[in-house]
N, C-alpha and C. Protein backbone atom coordinates (compact mmCIF):
# COMPACT_ATOMS: atom_id res chain seq x y z
N MET A 1 194.98 200.20 28.34
CA MET A 1 193.83 199.41 28.74
C MET A 1 194.11 198.74 30.08
N PRO A 2 193.32 199.03 31.06
CA PRO A 2 193.51 198.34 32.35
C PRO A 2 193.36 196.83 32.19
N GLY A 3 194.31 196.09 32.75
CA GLY A 3 194.24 194.63 32.71
C GLY A 3 194.69 194.00 31.42
N LEU A 4 195.17 194.79 30.48
CA LEU A 4 195.61 194.28 29.19
C LEU A 4 197.11 194.49 29.05
N ALA A 5 197.85 193.41 28.81
CA ALA A 5 199.29 193.54 28.57
C ALA A 5 199.51 194.08 27.16
N ALA A 6 200.46 194.98 27.01
CA ALA A 6 200.74 195.56 25.71
C ALA A 6 201.08 194.48 24.68
N ALA A 7 201.80 193.44 25.10
CA ALA A 7 202.17 192.36 24.17
C ALA A 7 200.93 191.69 23.60
N THR A 8 199.91 191.51 24.43
CA THR A 8 198.66 190.92 23.97
C THR A 8 197.99 191.83 22.95
N ALA A 9 197.95 193.11 23.24
CA ALA A 9 197.35 194.07 22.30
C ALA A 9 198.12 194.09 20.99
N LEU A 10 199.46 194.08 21.06
CA LEU A 10 200.27 194.09 19.84
C LEU A 10 199.96 192.89 18.97
N MET A 11 199.90 191.71 19.58
CA MET A 11 199.62 190.50 18.81
C MET A 11 198.23 190.53 18.20
N SER A 12 197.25 190.93 18.98
CA SER A 12 195.88 190.97 18.50
C SER A 12 195.73 191.96 17.34
N LEU A 13 196.28 193.14 17.51
CA LEU A 13 196.18 194.15 16.45
C LEU A 13 196.95 193.70 15.21
N ASP A 14 198.09 193.06 15.41
CA ASP A 14 198.87 192.56 14.28
C ASP A 14 198.07 191.53 13.48
N LEU A 15 197.34 190.66 14.17
CA LEU A 15 196.52 189.66 13.49
C LEU A 15 195.44 190.32 12.62
N ASP A 16 195.03 191.54 13.00
CA ASP A 16 194.06 192.29 12.20
C ASP A 16 194.73 193.23 11.21
N GLY A 17 196.05 193.11 11.05
CA GLY A 17 196.76 193.89 10.05
C GLY A 17 197.14 195.30 10.46
N VAL A 18 197.13 195.57 11.78
CA VAL A 18 197.47 196.90 12.27
C VAL A 18 198.78 196.82 13.05
N SER A 19 199.72 197.66 12.67
CA SER A 19 201.02 197.69 13.35
C SER A 19 201.07 198.86 14.33
N VAL A 20 201.37 198.56 15.57
CA VAL A 20 201.54 199.56 16.62
C VAL A 20 202.78 199.18 17.41
N SER A 21 203.13 200.01 18.38
CA SER A 21 204.29 199.73 19.22
C SER A 21 203.86 199.86 20.68
N SER A 22 204.64 199.26 21.55
CA SER A 22 204.35 199.40 22.98
C SER A 22 205.32 200.34 23.67
N GLY A 23 206.23 200.91 22.94
CA GLY A 23 207.20 201.83 23.52
C GLY A 23 207.26 203.12 22.74
N SER A 24 207.89 204.10 23.33
CA SER A 24 208.03 205.38 22.64
C SER A 24 209.04 205.25 21.50
N ALA A 25 208.90 206.09 20.52
CA ALA A 25 209.80 206.05 19.36
C ALA A 25 211.24 206.34 19.78
N CYS A 26 211.43 207.15 20.81
CA CYS A 26 212.78 207.51 21.24
C CYS A 26 213.40 206.45 22.15
N SER A 27 212.65 205.41 22.48
CA SER A 27 213.16 204.37 23.37
C SER A 27 213.07 202.99 22.74
N SER A 28 213.20 202.91 21.42
CA SER A 28 213.06 201.63 20.76
C SER A 28 214.11 200.65 21.26
N GLY A 29 213.68 199.42 21.48
CA GLY A 29 214.58 198.38 21.95
C GLY A 29 214.67 198.27 23.46
N LYS A 30 214.17 199.26 24.18
CA LYS A 30 214.20 199.22 25.64
C LYS A 30 213.02 198.43 26.16
N VAL A 31 213.25 197.71 27.23
CA VAL A 31 212.18 196.97 27.89
C VAL A 31 211.92 197.62 29.24
N GLY A 32 210.69 197.81 29.56
CA GLY A 32 210.36 198.42 30.84
C GLY A 32 209.35 199.52 30.68
N ARG A 33 208.97 200.08 31.80
CA ARG A 33 207.95 201.11 31.84
C ARG A 33 208.40 202.35 31.08
N SER A 34 207.49 202.94 30.36
CA SER A 34 207.76 204.16 29.61
C SER A 34 208.10 205.30 30.57
N HIS A 35 209.24 205.95 30.33
CA HIS A 35 209.61 207.09 31.17
C HIS A 35 208.66 208.26 30.95
N VAL A 36 208.09 208.35 29.78
CA VAL A 36 207.14 209.43 29.48
C VAL A 36 205.86 209.22 30.28
N LEU A 37 205.32 208.00 30.25
CA LEU A 37 204.10 207.72 31.01
C LEU A 37 204.36 207.85 32.52
N ALA A 38 205.55 207.44 32.97
CA ALA A 38 205.89 207.59 34.38
C ALA A 38 205.92 209.06 34.77
N ALA A 39 206.50 209.90 33.92
CA ALA A 39 206.57 211.33 34.20
C ALA A 39 205.18 211.96 34.21
N MET A 40 204.26 211.38 33.46
CA MET A 40 202.88 211.87 33.44
C MET A 40 202.08 211.37 34.63
N GLY A 41 202.68 210.47 35.44
CA GLY A 41 202.00 209.95 36.61
C GLY A 41 201.07 208.78 36.32
N VAL A 42 201.24 208.15 35.16
CA VAL A 42 200.41 206.99 34.83
C VAL A 42 200.86 205.81 35.68
N PRO A 43 199.95 205.15 36.40
CA PRO A 43 200.33 204.01 37.24
C PRO A 43 200.97 202.89 36.40
N ALA A 44 201.91 202.18 37.00
CA ALA A 44 202.65 201.13 36.29
C ALA A 44 201.73 200.07 35.70
N ASP A 45 200.68 199.68 36.44
CA ASP A 45 199.80 198.63 35.92
C ASP A 45 199.03 199.10 34.69
N LEU A 46 198.71 200.37 34.61
CA LEU A 46 198.04 200.90 33.42
C LEU A 46 199.04 201.11 32.28
N ALA A 47 200.23 201.59 32.61
CA ALA A 47 201.25 201.83 31.60
C ALA A 47 201.70 200.54 30.92
N SER A 48 201.58 199.41 31.62
CA SER A 48 202.01 198.14 31.03
C SER A 48 201.11 197.71 29.87
N GLY A 49 199.97 198.35 29.71
CA GLY A 49 199.07 198.03 28.61
C GLY A 49 199.04 199.10 27.54
N ALA A 50 199.92 200.08 27.64
CA ALA A 50 199.91 201.19 26.68
C ALA A 50 200.47 200.78 25.33
N VAL A 51 199.86 201.29 24.28
CA VAL A 51 200.39 201.12 22.93
C VAL A 51 200.53 202.50 22.30
N ARG A 52 201.46 202.60 21.35
CA ARG A 52 201.71 203.87 20.66
C ARG A 52 201.26 203.75 19.22
N LEU A 53 200.46 204.70 18.80
CA LEU A 53 200.02 204.78 17.41
C LEU A 53 200.81 205.89 16.74
N SER A 54 201.26 205.64 15.53
CA SER A 54 201.98 206.67 14.79
C SER A 54 201.26 206.93 13.48
N PHE A 55 201.01 208.19 13.22
CA PHE A 55 200.40 208.59 11.95
C PHE A 55 201.31 209.61 11.31
N GLY A 56 201.35 209.61 10.01
CA GLY A 56 202.20 210.54 9.28
C GLY A 56 201.44 211.20 8.15
N TRP A 57 202.17 211.93 7.33
CA TRP A 57 201.56 212.69 6.26
C TRP A 57 200.82 211.79 5.26
N SER A 58 201.22 210.53 5.17
CA SER A 58 200.58 209.64 4.20
C SER A 58 199.44 208.82 4.83
N SER A 59 199.20 209.01 6.10
CA SER A 59 198.10 208.28 6.77
C SER A 59 196.76 208.78 6.24
N THR A 60 195.81 207.87 6.20
CA THR A 60 194.49 208.21 5.66
C THR A 60 193.41 207.93 6.70
N HIS A 61 192.22 208.37 6.40
CA HIS A 61 191.07 208.06 7.25
C HIS A 61 190.88 206.54 7.32
N ASP A 62 191.18 205.86 6.23
CA ASP A 62 191.06 204.40 6.23
C ASP A 62 192.02 203.75 7.22
N ASP A 63 193.20 204.34 7.39
CA ASP A 63 194.16 203.82 8.37
C ASP A 63 193.60 203.96 9.79
N VAL A 64 193.01 205.10 10.07
CA VAL A 64 192.41 205.34 11.39
C VAL A 64 191.24 204.38 11.59
N ARG A 65 190.43 204.23 10.56
CA ARG A 65 189.28 203.33 10.63
C ARG A 65 189.73 201.89 10.86
N ALA A 66 190.80 201.47 10.19
CA ALA A 66 191.31 200.10 10.34
C ALA A 66 191.76 199.87 11.79
N PHE A 67 192.44 200.87 12.38
CA PHE A 67 192.84 200.73 13.78
C PHE A 67 191.61 200.62 14.68
N ALA A 68 190.64 201.51 14.48
CA ALA A 68 189.45 201.52 15.32
C ALA A 68 188.72 200.18 15.25
N GLU A 69 188.61 199.61 14.06
CA GLU A 69 187.95 198.32 13.91
C GLU A 69 188.74 197.20 14.58
N ALA A 70 190.06 197.22 14.41
CA ALA A 70 190.91 196.20 15.03
C ALA A 70 190.86 196.31 16.55
N PHE A 71 190.85 197.55 17.07
CA PHE A 71 190.79 197.75 18.51
C PHE A 71 189.44 197.29 19.05
N GLU A 72 188.39 197.56 18.30
CA GLU A 72 187.06 197.09 18.70
C GLU A 72 187.03 195.56 18.74
N ASN A 73 187.65 194.91 17.76
CA ASN A 73 187.75 193.45 17.75
C ASN A 73 188.49 192.94 18.99
N LEU A 74 189.57 193.61 19.34
CA LEU A 74 190.35 193.25 20.52
C LEU A 74 189.48 193.36 21.78
N LEU A 75 188.78 194.46 21.92
CA LEU A 75 187.92 194.65 23.09
C LEU A 75 186.81 193.60 23.14
N GLN A 76 186.26 193.27 21.99
CA GLN A 76 185.21 192.26 21.94
C GLN A 76 185.74 190.90 22.40
N ARG A 77 186.94 190.54 21.92
CA ARG A 77 187.53 189.26 22.33
C ARG A 77 187.81 189.24 23.84
N LEU A 78 188.30 190.36 24.37
CA LEU A 78 188.55 190.45 25.81
C LEU A 78 187.25 190.31 26.60
N TYR A 79 186.21 190.97 26.13
CA TYR A 79 184.92 190.91 26.79
C TYR A 79 184.39 189.47 26.79
N GLU A 80 184.46 188.83 25.64
CA GLU A 80 183.97 187.45 25.54
C GLU A 80 184.78 186.51 26.43
N ARG A 81 186.09 186.73 26.48
CA ARG A 81 186.96 185.88 27.31
C ARG A 81 186.63 186.10 28.79
N SER A 82 186.37 187.34 29.19
CA SER A 82 186.08 187.60 30.59
C SER A 82 184.72 187.03 31.00
N ARG A 83 183.78 186.99 30.09
CA ARG A 83 182.46 186.42 30.38
C ARG A 83 182.53 184.90 30.48
N ALA A 84 183.45 184.29 29.73
CA ALA A 84 183.59 182.83 29.75
C ALA A 84 184.30 182.35 31.00
N ALA A 85 185.07 183.24 31.63
CA ALA A 85 185.86 182.85 32.81
C ALA A 85 185.02 182.72 34.05
């Protein structure tokens, strides 16, 4: 998300009960720009707002729906905050 720090997204989604990560699974514990996004040519300012979603064999449509609703809530809060500024 342009203009959104990954840490902000993580906290917001966590408050809605959705767990995501801001780094790649192979780089857990590292701080800094994702080497994968850098290799893809993603600009640093955009990459700083990237989050990683992980789904597995036990994931359900409800899990996807929960993320979509939480992400929509996050976007709504950002929109409201930008209008108030």
